[in-house]
């Protein structure tokens, strides 16, 4: 069985509001073994990126300005994923963006549903661990998968991490290969995963003088109204 673990990064949360994909990462699994083949592209969205999104993935418009558009890499992406089962965490989000992108290109294919099946690992995790947190970081902790390099989200990095989580989470379904799968994941966890070295540094936004002044005034106001004073100011004075 051929599977492709897929993740995307986007300009925002809703393709219906014109948000676009800016990074796609895929890793291939064949018969429950990672093959080493992957697909990874940054994309120029031709629009601004929400500040909240930049805080999540660190990708800026300046970094993406010289990258290809989705239409330019669509055929290459389809060649990599067609016929595979896509393994995606919170699949409706990524599939919604991918299908929205495809509807804007000149190709006849407007939806991935006709060329791929989809397995949503978030639904799978909720079935196995009801009532618990099942985001990717929580699953990494639960299954002992190394995610120490995940200070920012990255499509290829997250796809690699999800592949390890998925294999461990479903290993009971193929007991004959359980030992090999666990050993494979352990070996990969011994190699530190790192972001693409060409990835831009995270933008640091500092408070303006006016914002600092307003913050100070607010602390003084709290200090006057509180019987025990403002804890923040007390900490500053004790330094």
C-alpha atoms as a PDB file:
ATOM      1  CA  UNK A   1       0.000   0.000   0.000  1.00  0.00           C
ATOM      2  CA  UNK A   2       1.282   3.457  -0.926  1.00  0.00           C
ATOM      3  CA  UNK A   3       0.523   6.368   1.387  1.00  0.00           C
ATOM      4  CA  UNK A   4       1.597  10.013   1.323  1.00  0.00           C
ATOM      5  CA  UNK A   5       1.684  11.990   4.554  1.00  0.00           C
ATOM      6  CA  UNK A   6       0.841  15.581   3.665  1.00  0.00           C
ATOM      7  CA  UNK A   7       0.838  18.951   5.410  1.00  0.00           C
ATOM      8  CA  UNK A   8       0.419  22.556   4.295  1.00  0.00           C
ATOM      9  CA  UNK A   9       1.073  26.047   5.623  1.00  0.00           C
ATOM     10  CA  UNK A  10      -1.244  28.869   4.559  1.00  0.00           C
ATOM     11  CA  UNK A  11      -1.743  32.633   4.598  1.00  0.00           C
ATOM     12  CA  UNK A  12      -4.731  32.285   6.919  1.00  0.00           C
ATOM     13  CA  UNK A  13      -7.505  29.970   8.039  1.00  0.00           C
ATOM     14  CA  UNK A  14     -10.173  30.069   5.329  1.00  0.00           C
ATOM     15  CA  UNK A  15      -9.757  29.524   1.577  1.00  0.00           C
ATOM     16  CA  UNK A  16     -13.267  30.922   1.100  1.00  0.00           C
ATOM     17  CA  UNK A  17     -11.855  34.294   2.191  1.00  0.00           C
ATOM     18  CA  UNK A  18      -9.132  34.119  -0.442  1.00  0.00           C
ATOM     19  CA  UNK A  19      -6.378  32.618   1.694  1.00  0.00           C
ATOM     20  CA  UNK A  20      -3.773  30.540  -0.121  1.00  0.00           C
ATOM     21  CA  UNK A  21      -1.271  27.724   0.406  1.00  0.00           C
ATOM     22  CA  UNK A  22       2.329  28.893   0.877  1.00  0.00           C
ATOM     23  CA  UNK A  23       4.076  25.594   1.679  1.00  0.00           C
ATOM     24  CA  UNK A  24       3.388  21.933   0.882  1.00  0.00           C
ATOM     25  CA  UNK A  25       5.287  19.026   2.414  1.00  0.00           C
ATOM     26  CA  UNK A  26       4.773  15.322   1.616  1.00  0.00           C
ATOM     27  CA  UNK A  27       6.590  12.135   2.633  1.00  0.00           C
ATOM     28  CA  UNK A  28       6.009   8.711   1.100  1.00  0.00           C
ATOM     29  CA  UNK A  29       5.192   5.490   2.954  1.00  0.00           C
ATOM     30  CA  UNK A  30       5.213   2.198   1.073  1.00  0.00           C
ATOM     31  CA  UNK A  31       3.921  -0.895   2.879  1.00  0.00           C
ATOM     32  CA  UNK A  32       4.252   0.937   6.214  1.00  0.00           C
ATOM     33  CA  UNK A  33       7.899   1.860   5.641  1.00  0.00           C
ATOM     34  CA  UNK A  34       9.172   5.354   4.879  1.00  0.00           C
ATOM     35  CA  UNK A  35      10.834   5.282   1.460  1.00  0.00           C
ATOM     36  CA  UNK A  36      12.855   8.502   1.807  1.00  0.00           C
ATOM     37  CA  UNK A  37      10.996  10.133  -1.108  1.00  0.00           C
ATOM     38  CA  UNK A  38       9.418  13.486  -0.388  1.00  0.00           C
ATOM     39  CA  UNK A  39       7.832  16.471  -2.095  1.00  0.00           C
ATOM     40  CA  UNK A  40       8.413  19.977  -0.728  1.00  0.00           C
ATOM     41  CA  UNK A  41       7.622  23.374  -2.224  1.00  0.00           C
ATOM     42  CA  UNK A  42       7.246  26.963  -1.016  1.00  0.00           C
ATOM     43  CA  UNK A  43       4.653  28.977  -2.957  1.00  0.00           C
ATOM     44  CA  UNK A  44       4.022  32.628  -3.741  1.00  0.00           C
ATOM     45  CA  UNK A  45       0.391  33.319  -2.706  1.00  0.00           C
ATOM     46  CA  UNK A  46       0.127  36.721  -4.445  1.00  0.00           C
ATOM     47  CA  UNK A  47      -1.509  38.148  -1.328  1.00  0.00           C
ATOM     48  CA  UNK A  48      -0.674  39.291   2.187  1.00  0.00           C
ATOM     49  CA  UNK A  49      -0.154  36.780   4.992  1.00  0.00           C
ATOM     50  CA  UNK A  50      -2.100  37.195   8.234  1.00  0.00           C
ATOM     51  CA  UNK A  51       0.075  38.265  11.174  1.00  0.00           C
ATOM     52  CA  UNK A  52      -1.285  35.368  13.218  1.00  0.00           C
ATOM     53  CA  UNK A  53      -0.262  32.913  10.512  1.00  0.00           C
ATOM     54  CA  UNK A  54       3.274  34.320  10.403  1.00  0.00           C
ATOM     55  CA  UNK A  55       3.528  33.748  14.164  1.00  0.00           C
ATOM     56  CA  UNK A  56       2.733  30.073  13.533  1.00  0.00           C
ATOM     57  CA  UNK A  57       5.009  29.279  10.579  1.00  0.00           C
ATOM     58  CA  UNK A  58       7.373  32.257  10.217  1.00  0.00           C
ATOM     59  CA  UNK A  59       6.950  32.524   6.439  1.00  0.00           C
ATOM     60  CA  UNK A  60       6.860  36.080   5.100  1.00  0.00           C
ATOM     61  CA  UNK A  61       5.834  37.694   1.817  1.00  0.00           C
ATOM     62  CA  UNK A  62       9.418  38.787   1.169  1.00  0.00           C
ATOM     63  CA  UNK A  63      10.692  35.199   1.471  1.00  0.00           C
ATOM     64  CA  UNK A  64       7.951  33.873  -0.834  1.00  0.00           C
ATOM     65  CA  UNK A  65       8.188  36.626  -3.470  1.00  0.00           C
ATOM     66  CA  UNK A  66      10.424  34.616  -5.841  1.00  0.00           C
ATOM     67  CA  UNK A  67       8.731  31.252  -5.277  1.00  0.00           C
ATOM     68  CA  UNK A  68       6.490  29.552  -7.878  1.00  0.00           C
ATOM     69  CA  UNK A  69       2.696  29.792  -7.915  1.00  0.00           C
ATOM     70  CA  UNK A  70       0.553  26.744  -7.186  1.00  0.00           C
ATOM     71  CA  UNK A  71      -0.373  26.361 -10.847  1.00  0.00           C
ATOM     72  CA  UNK A  72       3.310  25.946 -11.702  1.00  0.00           C
ATOM     73  CA  UNK A  73       3.812  22.975  -9.354  1.00  0.00           C
ATOM     74  CA  UNK A  74       0.342  21.409  -9.608  1.00  0.00           C
ATOM     75  CA  UNK A  75       1.314  18.737 -12.150  1.00  0.00           C
ATOM     76  CA  UNK A  76       4.384  17.752 -10.126  1.00  0.00           C
ATOM     77  CA  UNK A  77       2.310  17.499  -6.937  1.00  0.00           C
ATOM     78  CA  UNK A  78      -0.361  15.396  -8.636  1.00  0.00           C
ATOM     79  CA  UNK A  79       2.283  13.081 -10.046  1.00  0.00           C
ATOM     80  CA  UNK A  80       3.583  12.492  -6.506  1.00  0.00           C
ATOM     81  CA  UNK A  81       0.250  11.877  -4.781  1.00  0.00           C
ATOM     82  CA  UNK A  82      -2.080  10.335  -7.410  1.00  0.00           C
ATOM     83  CA  UNK A  83      -3.190   6.833  -6.471  1.00  0.00           C
ATOM     84  CA  UNK A  84      -1.985   7.134  -2.884  1.00  0.00           C
ATOM     85  CA  UNK A  85      -3.889   7.327   0.363  1.00  0.00           C
ATOM     86  CA  UNK A  86      -3.242  10.783   1.809  1.00  0.00           C
ATOM     87  CA  UNK A  87      -2.542  10.791   5.541  1.00  0.00           C
ATOM     88  CA  UNK A  88      -3.390  14.225   6.946  1.00  0.00           C
ATOM     89  CA  UNK A  89      -3.949  15.609  10.448  1.00  0.00           C
ATOM     90  CA  UNK A  90      -7.232  17.551  10.351  1.00  0.00           C
ATOM     91  CA  UNK A  91      -7.754  16.627   6.717  1.00  0.00           C
ATOM     92  CA  UNK A  92     -10.700  18.972   5.948  1.00  0.00           C
ATOM     93  CA  UNK A  93      -8.406  21.978   6.479  1.00  0.00           C
ATOM     94  CA  UNK A  94      -5.644  20.885   4.061  1.00  0.00           C
ATOM     95  CA  UNK A  95      -8.023  19.315   1.533  1.00  0.00           C
ATOM     96  CA  UNK A  96     -10.158  22.457   1.522  1.00  0.00           C
ATOM     97  CA  UNK A  97      -7.125  24.562   0.654  1.00  0.00           C
ATOM     98  CA  UNK A  98      -5.782  22.119  -1.945  1.00  0.00           C
ATOM     99  CA  UNK A  99      -9.123  21.838  -3.743  1.00  0.00           C
ATOM    100  CA  UNK A 100      -9.551  25.629  -3.637  1.00  0.00           C
ATOM    101  CA  UNK A 101      -6.129  26.025  -5.269  1.00  0.00           C
ATOM    102  CA  UNK A 102      -6.958  23.484  -7.964  1.00  0.00           C
ATOM    103  CA  UNK A 103     -10.188  25.271  -8.832  1.00  0.00           C
ATOM    104  CA  UNK A 104      -8.126  28.343  -9.734  1.00  0.00           C
ATOM    105  CA  UNK A 105      -5.849  26.575 -12.226  1.00  0.00           C
ATOM    106  CA  UNK A 106      -6.471  25.692 -15.870  1.00  0.00           C
ATOM    107  CA  UNK A 107      -6.302  21.918 -15.310  1.00  0.00           C
ATOM    108  CA  UNK A 108      -9.413  19.794 -15.717  1.00  0.00           C
ATOM    109  CA  UNK A 109      -9.010  18.246 -12.257  1.00  0.00           C
ATOM    110  CA  UNK A 110     -10.712  20.418  -9.635  1.00  0.00           C
ATOM    111  CA  UNK A 111     -10.674  18.072  -6.640  1.00  0.00           C
ATOM    112  CA  UNK A 112      -8.219  15.524  -5.242  1.00  0.00           C
ATOM    113  CA  UNK A 113     -11.024  13.170  -4.210  1.00  0.00           C
ATOM    114  CA  UNK A 114     -11.035  11.557  -7.657  1.00  0.00           C
ATOM    115  CA  UNK A 115      -7.329  10.622  -7.582  1.00  0.00           C
ATOM    116  CA  UNK A 116      -6.647   9.997  -3.858  1.00  0.00           C
ATOM    117  CA  UNK A 117      -8.283   8.603  -0.776  1.00  0.00           C
ATOM    118  CA  UNK A 118      -7.821  10.379   2.550  1.00  0.00           C
ATOM    119  CA  UNK A 119      -7.155   9.202   6.100  1.00  0.00           C
ATOM    120  CA  UNK A 120      -7.644  11.853   8.797  1.00  0.00           C
ATOM    121  CA  UNK A 121      -5.278  11.107  11.701  1.00  0.00           C
ATOM    122  CA  UNK A 122      -7.110  13.607  13.926  1.00  0.00           C
ATOM    123  CA  UNK A 123     -10.309  11.544  13.686  1.00  0.00           C
ATOM    124  CA  UNK A 124      -8.273   8.376  14.213  1.00  0.00           C
ATOM    125  CA  UNK A 125      -6.618   9.848  17.308  1.00  0.00           C
ATOM    126  CA  UNK A 126      -9.981  10.957  18.737  1.00  0.00           C
ATOM    127  CA  UNK A 127     -11.292   7.413  18.336  1.00  0.00           C
ATOM    128  CA  UNK A 128      -8.251   5.932  20.084  1.00  0.00           C
ATOM    129  CA  UNK A 129      -7.946   8.645  22.777  1.00  0.00           C
ATOM    130  CA  UNK A 130     -11.405  10.118  23.424  1.00  0.00           C
ATOM    131  CA  UNK A 131     -11.520  13.118  25.719  1.00  0.00           C
ATOM    132  CA  UNK A 132      -7.789  13.792  25.399  1.00  0.00           C
ATOM    133  CA  UNK A 133      -5.795  16.402  23.521  1.00  0.00           C
ATOM    134  CA  UNK A 134      -5.002  15.050  20.075  1.00  0.00           C
ATOM    135  CA  UNK A 135      -3.062  17.816  18.342  1.00  0.00           C
ATOM    136  CA  UNK A 136       0.275  16.811  16.827  1.00  0.00           C
ATOM    137  CA  UNK A 137       2.371  17.956  19.801  1.00  0.00           C
ATOM    138  CA  UNK A 138       0.179  16.000  22.231  1.00  0.00           C
ATOM    139  CA  UNK A 139       0.435  12.876  20.060  1.00  0.00           C
ATOM    140  CA  UNK A 140       4.228  13.248  19.862  1.00  0.00           C
ATOM    141  CA  UNK A 141       4.377  13.272  23.652  1.00  0.00           C
ATOM    142  CA  UNK A 142       2.000  10.322  23.931  1.00  0.00           C
ATOM    143  CA  UNK A 143       3.921   8.166  21.441  1.00  0.00           C
ATOM    144  CA  UNK A 144       7.454   9.315  22.268  1.00  0.00           C
ATOM    145  CA  UNK A 145       8.126  11.001  18.921  1.00  0.00           C
ATOM    146  CA  UNK A 146      10.815  13.701  18.940  1.00  0.00           C
ATOM    147  CA  UNK A 147       9.377  17.130  18.097  1.00  0.00           C
ATOM    148  CA  UNK A 148      11.993  19.306  19.813  1.00  0.00           C
ATOM    149  CA  UNK A 149      12.730  21.135  16.537  1.00  0.00           C
ATOM    150  CA  UNK A 150       9.067  22.104  16.141  1.00  0.00           C
ATOM    151  CA  UNK A 151       9.385  25.634  17.525  1.00  0.00           C
ATOM    152  CA  UNK A 152       7.604  26.779  14.364  1.00  0.00           C
ATOM    153  CA  UNK A 153       5.261  24.850  12.103  1.00  0.00           C
ATOM    154  CA  UNK A 154       6.764  23.691   8.812  1.00  0.00           C
ATOM    155  CA  UNK A 155       4.943  21.573   6.233  1.00  0.00           C
ATOM    156  CA  UNK A 156       7.712  19.060   5.524  1.00  0.00           C
ATOM    157  CA  UNK A 157       8.849  18.843   9.149  1.00  0.00           C
ATOM    158  CA  UNK A 158       5.275  18.306  10.339  1.00  0.00           C
ATOM    159  CA  UNK A 159       4.677  15.675   7.644  1.00  0.00           C
ATOM    160  CA  UNK A 160       7.776  13.770   8.794  1.00  0.00           C
ATOM    161  CA  UNK A 161       6.656  13.954  12.429  1.00  0.00           C
ATOM    162  CA  UNK A 162       3.102  12.911  11.547  1.00  0.00           C
ATOM    163  CA  UNK A 163       4.431   9.927   9.602  1.00  0.00           C
ATOM    164  CA  UNK A 164       6.183   8.640  12.733  1.00  0.00           C
ATOM    165  CA  UNK A 165       3.110   9.301  14.894  1.00  0.00           C
ATOM    166  CA  UNK A 166       0.823   7.567  12.404  1.00  0.00           C
ATOM    167  CA  UNK A 167       2.999   4.443  12.166  1.00  0.00           C
ATOM    168  CA  UNK A 168       3.140   4.135  15.954  1.00  0.00           C
ATOM    169  CA  UNK A 169      -0.541   4.926  16.445  1.00  0.00           C
ATOM    170  CA  UNK A 170      -1.585   2.211  13.968  1.00  0.00           C
ATOM    171  CA  UNK A 171       1.169  -0.348  14.605  1.00  0.00           C
ATOM    172  CA  UNK A 172      -1.252  -2.718  16.348  1.00  0.00           C
ATOM    173  CA  UNK A 173      -2.979  -3.205  12.989  1.00  0.00           C
ATOM    174  CA  UNK A 174       0.113  -4.923  11.557  1.00  0.00           C
ATOM    175  CA  UNK A 175       1.657  -6.843  14.435  1.00  0.00           C
ATOM    176  CA  UNK A 176       4.094  -8.768  12.245  1.00  0.00           C
ATOM    177  CA  UNK A 177       5.911  -5.548  11.377  1.00  0.00           C
ATOM    178  CA  UNK A 178       5.486  -3.827  14.746  1.00  0.00           C
ATOM    179  CA  UNK A 179       9.070  -4.330  15.884  1.00  0.00           C
ATOM    180  CA  UNK A 180      10.550  -3.042  12.614  1.00  0.00           C
ATOM    181  CA  UNK A 181       8.274   0.020  12.630  1.00  0.00           C
ATOM    182  CA  UNK A 182       9.142   0.934  16.220  1.00  0.00           C
ATOM    183  CA  UNK A 183      12.856   0.509  15.495  1.00  0.00           C
ATOM    184  CA  UNK A 184      12.540   2.683  12.368  1.00  0.00           C
ATOM    185  CA  UNK A 185      10.843   5.473  14.313  1.00  0.00           C
ATOM    186  CA  UNK A 186      13.389   5.237  17.127  1.00  0.00           C
ATOM    187  CA  UNK A 187      16.242   5.520  14.620  1.00  0.00           C
ATOM    188  CA  UNK A 188      14.691   8.620  13.057  1.00  0.00           C
ATOM    189  CA  UNK A 189      14.139  10.166  16.471  1.00  0.00           C
ATOM    190  CA  UNK A 190      17.873   9.843  17.127  1.00  0.00           C
ATOM    191  CA  UNK A 191      18.465  12.185  14.175  1.00  0.00           C
ATOM    192  CA  UNK A 192      17.535  15.749  14.993  1.00  0.00           C
ATOM    193  CA  UNK A 193      15.026  17.155  12.531  1.00  0.00           C
ATOM    194  CA  UNK A 194      15.713  20.706  11.439  1.00  0.00           C
ATOM    195  CA  UNK A 195      13.896  23.299   9.393  1.00  0.00           C
ATOM    196  CA  UNK A 196      14.960  24.068   5.855  1.00  0.00           C
ATOM    197  CA  UNK A 197      18.118  26.233   6.277  1.00  0.00           C
ATOM    198  CA  UNK A 198      16.731  28.610   3.641  1.00  0.00           C
ATOM    199  CA  UNK A 199      13.669  29.281   5.753  1.00  0.00           C
ATOM    200  CA  UNK A 200      13.479  32.936   6.872  1.00  0.00           C
ATOM    201  CA  UNK A 201      14.072  33.843  10.534  1.00  0.00           C
ATOM    202  CA  UNK A 202      10.978  34.536  12.605  1.00  0.00           C
ATOM    203  CA  UNK A 203      10.030  38.215  12.547  1.00  0.00           C
ATOM    204  CA  UNK A 204      10.315  39.800  16.022  1.00  0.00           C
ATOM    205  CA  UNK A 205       7.828  42.618  16.589  1.00  0.00           C
ATOM    206  CA  UNK A 206       8.847  44.985  19.396  1.00  0.00           C
ATOM    207  CA  UNK A 207       6.552  47.316  21.314  1.00  0.00           C
ATOM    208  CA  UNK A 208       6.597  50.982  20.320  1.00  0.00           C
ATOM    209  CA  UNK A 209       7.393  53.767  22.784  1.00  0.00           C
ATOM    210  CA  UNK A 210       3.692  54.660  22.895  1.00  0.00           C
ATOM    211  CA  UNK A 211       2.725  51.048  23.641  1.00  0.00           C
ATOM    212  CA  UNK A 212       5.338  50.855  26.405  1.00  0.00           C
ATOM    213  CA  UNK A 213       4.041  54.103  27.889  1.00  0.00           C
ATOM    214  CA  UNK A 214       0.428  52.915  27.807  1.00  0.00           C
ATOM    215  CA  UNK A 215       1.490  49.618  29.374  1.00  0.00           C
ATOM    216  CA  UNK A 216       3.253  51.485  32.177  1.00  0.00           C
ATOM    217  CA  UNK A 217       0.208  53.657  32.832  1.00  0.00           C
ATOM    218  CA  UNK A 218      -1.983  50.562  33.012  1.00  0.00           C
ATOM    219  CA  UNK A 219       0.335  48.962  35.579  1.00  0.00           C
ATOM    220  CA  UNK A 220       0.258  52.100  37.734  1.00  0.00           C
ATOM    221  CA  UNK A 221      -3.534  52.125  37.547  1.00  0.00           C
ATOM    222  CA  UNK A 222      -3.646  48.501  38.707  1.00  0.00           C
ATOM    223  CA  UNK A 223      -1.176  49.334  41.467  1.00  0.00           C
ATOM    224  CA  UNK A 224      -3.455  52.073  42.832  1.00  0.00           C
ATOM    225  CA  UNK A 225      -6.603  49.938  42.776  1.00  0.00           C
ATOM    226  CA  UNK A 226      -5.048  46.769  44.211  1.00  0.00           C
ATOM    227  CA  UNK A 227      -4.636  46.390  47.943  1.00  0.00           C
ATOM    228  CA  UNK A 228      -1.434  44.406  47.489  1.00  0.00           C
ATOM    229  CA  UNK A 229      -0.116  46.499  44.647  1.00  0.00           C
ATOM    230  CA  UNK A 230       0.739  45.423  41.103  1.00  0.00           C
ATOM    231  CA  UNK A 231       2.762  42.209  41.140  1.00  0.00           C
ATOM    232  CA  UNK A 232       4.617  43.168  37.939  1.00  0.00           C
ATOM    233  CA  UNK A 233       5.768  46.462  39.436  1.00  0.00           C
ATOM    234  CA  UNK A 234       6.729  44.745  42.698  1.00  0.00           C
ATOM    235  CA  UNK A 235       8.884  42.304  40.738  1.00  0.00           C
ATOM    236  CA  UNK A 236      10.592  45.171  38.887  1.00  0.00           C
ATOM    237  CA  UNK A 237      11.355  46.982  42.126  1.00  0.00           C
ATOM    238  CA  UNK A 238      12.759  43.843  43.765  1.00  0.00           C
ATOM    239  CA  UNK A 239      15.340  43.297  40.989  1.00  0.00           C
END
